[in-house]
């Protein structure tokens, strides 16, 4: 994974909320990496009930929905 990318979106295929979250992140214009949790049992155990999960700088920022204003503020800070 690129160390310059601050955002990670944990998701799974066929997840409508994941698609919405990816579109919201793309709209913000900040680069992000999307990772499908189904290929990793540890990620599935950690995030399976809460996807999509947004991680900023290695820490969980939120799940289910992107809080755009909060995320913009935290990206700037």
Protein backbone atom coordinates (compact mmCIF):
# COMPACT_ATOMS: atom_id res chain seq x y z
CA UNK A 1 0.00 0.00 0.00
CA UNK A 2 1.21 3.49 -0.80
CA UNK A 3 2.36 5.17 2.45
CA UNK A 4 1.34 8.59 1.06
CA UNK A 5 -2.31 7.56 0.93
CA UNK A 6 -3.98 8.59 4.17
CA UNK A 7 -7.41 7.03 3.60
CA UNK A 8 -8.41 3.38 3.43
CA UNK A 9 -11.93 2.18 2.72
CA UNK A 10 -12.62 -1.36 3.90
CA UNK A 11 -15.46 -2.84 1.87
CA UNK A 12 -16.82 -5.95 0.19
CA UNK A 13 -18.24 -6.66 -3.24
CA UNK A 14 -21.98 -6.21 -3.62
CA UNK A 15 -22.23 -3.79 -0.69
CA UNK A 16 -24.36 -0.79 -1.65
CA UNK A 17 -23.16 1.33 1.28
CA UNK A 18 -19.58 0.57 0.22
CA UNK A 19 -20.30 1.91 -3.26
CA UNK A 20 -21.81 5.08 -1.77
CA UNK A 21 -18.83 5.52 0.57
CA UNK A 22 -16.36 5.09 -2.31
CA UNK A 23 -18.22 7.71 -4.33
CA UNK A 24 -18.24 10.09 -1.35
CA UNK A 25 -14.51 9.65 -0.84
CA UNK A 26 -13.84 10.17 -4.54
CA UNK A 27 -15.88 13.38 -4.38
CA UNK A 28 -13.58 14.70 -1.65
CA UNK A 29 -10.63 14.43 -4.04
CA UNK A 30 -8.29 12.87 -1.48
CA UNK A 31 -6.57 9.68 -2.72
CA UNK A 32 -7.78 6.51 -1.03
CA UNK A 33 -7.25 2.78 -1.23
CA UNK A 34 -10.23 0.44 -1.23
CA UNK A 35 -9.63 -2.98 0.32
CA UNK A 36 -12.06 -5.88 0.05
CA UNK A 37 -12.17 -7.52 3.48
CA UNK A 38 -13.41 -10.88 2.17
CA UNK A 39 -9.91 -11.91 1.13
CA UNK A 40 -8.53 -11.52 4.67
CA UNK A 41 -10.06 -13.42 7.62
CA UNK A 42 -8.61 -10.96 10.17
CA UNK A 43 -10.13 -7.96 8.38
CA UNK A 44 -13.42 -9.84 8.01
CA UNK A 45 -13.46 -10.51 11.75
CA UNK A 46 -12.53 -6.92 12.63
CA UNK A 47 -14.78 -5.01 10.21
CA UNK A 48 -17.34 -7.51 8.89
CA UNK A 49 -20.36 -6.13 10.75
CA UNK A 50 -19.52 -2.47 10.18
CA UNK A 51 -18.49 -2.09 6.55
CA UNK A 52 -17.85 0.19 4.94
CA UNK A 53 -15.18 1.36 7.38
CA UNK A 54 -13.15 4.51 6.73
CA UNK A 55 -9.63 4.63 8.19
CA UNK A 56 -7.65 7.86 8.28
CA UNK A 57 -3.94 7.78 9.08
CA UNK A 58 -4.22 4.24 10.42
CA UNK A 59 -7.11 4.97 12.81
CA UNK A 60 -10.77 4.17 12.32
CA UNK A 61 -12.57 7.36 11.37
CA UNK A 62 -16.07 6.01 10.88
CA UNK A 63 -18.27 3.32 9.42
CA UNK A 64 -21.44 2.85 7.38
CA UNK A 65 -21.41 6.47 6.12
CA UNK A 66 -18.75 9.04 5.26
CA UNK A 67 -19.11 12.09 7.49
CA UNK A 68 -17.82 14.45 4.80
CA UNK A 69 -17.48 17.65 6.83
CA UNK A 70 -15.78 15.90 9.73
CA UNK A 71 -13.47 14.06 7.35
CA UNK A 72 -12.57 17.27 5.50
CA UNK A 73 -11.74 18.92 8.81
CA UNK A 74 -9.62 15.99 9.97
CA UNK A 75 -7.79 15.79 6.64
CA UNK A 76 -6.91 19.48 6.90
CA UNK A 77 -5.84 19.26 10.53
